[in-house]
Amino acid sequence: MEDLRLDEIVEYGQNVGRGNLLGVEPYMSAADYASQETFQTRLAGYLSVAAQRGWLGDRTVVVWPEYIAAWLVAAAEKGAVYRAPTLKAAMQSLILSHPLRFARHALAAVERDRIVASLFRMKAAAMATIYQATFGGLARRYSATIVAGSIVLPSPRVRDGQVTASDGPLYNVTAVYRPDGLAHATLVRKAFPIGIELPFTAAAAMAELPAFDTPAGRLGVLICADSWYPAAYDRLREHGVALIAVPSDGMTPQQWASPWRGYDGASAPPDVDPADVGRLTEAQAWRKYALAGRIALAGARHGINVFLRGELWDLAAHGGCATVVDGDLVSEGKGSGAALLNLWL
């Protein structure tokens, strides 16, 4: 428990046999991405605690954060990568370990950020393998549905229940794993990349946003910024979803409390009050314009938004206030260490 940095375990409602949404906000370090074993061990630790509390079953939907698997780009590298003081230094070490492979990808890259794009492409096959083994394995082990956070892969697809990378644009994607450990046939691709993602990831079409039939109900998944746009909820309403999961990346506590700077990466929807920019804090803007403020547009009553936490090179103190929505109830996490947030349906 101490190693997991798990300082928030919250339960909402009671078990009446309809299942539950389980949000996991793990506290990750660079060393957790050293291998498939270290990654699996870290994530399995949180589900072990949930299982001890009786929160895992065939009607459970587990939700992991955005970018939880993107850092697998550092898997199976030299120790210098994980000991690097900054992300930039870690990337330099990674490039120097594979100069020819990196050069081949960099010469063919068409993205504005050729370096980041080339690193993701260079490690794509290995990343997809670890992603599949970890989240598919956890789903099968606990007979639960798993929203597997997100990963960055080139034109990913699902073949025979397995997530694979191919050739083409990079996407920020989430797979949803069934209790048998196989991925649903359709991936969730982020439709509204933010400014720091646009130089290396492509935007998906909102018309492609899927929904998933799970033992707990029909599920929609919105990757982080997508949860800020009414069009996403309109699409989920068309699908008839009952549950919404929002995996998000982390931010520092200082960012969470700072003045909101408005929409990032795409224009604000027409219903956004321009006067809120600079007047609301980042946290207040999330409450008003993301899941908590928009879930009713989809006709859903239950939702959960989780954030990545931890210390990844110089990207320290990741966090964010997790949001749990149960009808009219909106509850927020503390945003410090790791967290488990269980909502009975």
Foldseek 3Di string as FASTA:
>chain_A
DVVFLADAEAEADDAPPLAWEKEWATADALVCLAALVSVLVNVVVVVVVCVVVVRFALRYEYEYAAPSLASNLLYNFDPCLRVAQAPVSNLVRVCVVPVVQLVVQLVVDDFQCSSSQSSCASCQQVSQVSLLCRQLVVLQVRNYKYFSHWHKAAPWFFDPQGIGGDHHAIWTWTWIAGSNSGTDGDIATAQFDFDVCRRGGDHDDLLSQDWDQGSSWIEGEHEAVSQQDLSNLLNLLVVVTQEYEYHYEFAAPVQQFAFAQDGGRDDHDPVDDPVSGRVPGNVVCCCCRGCVNRNVSNVYQWYKYAYHAHCYNPRHLTWDWIWTGGHNDIDTHDTGHIYMYMYHD
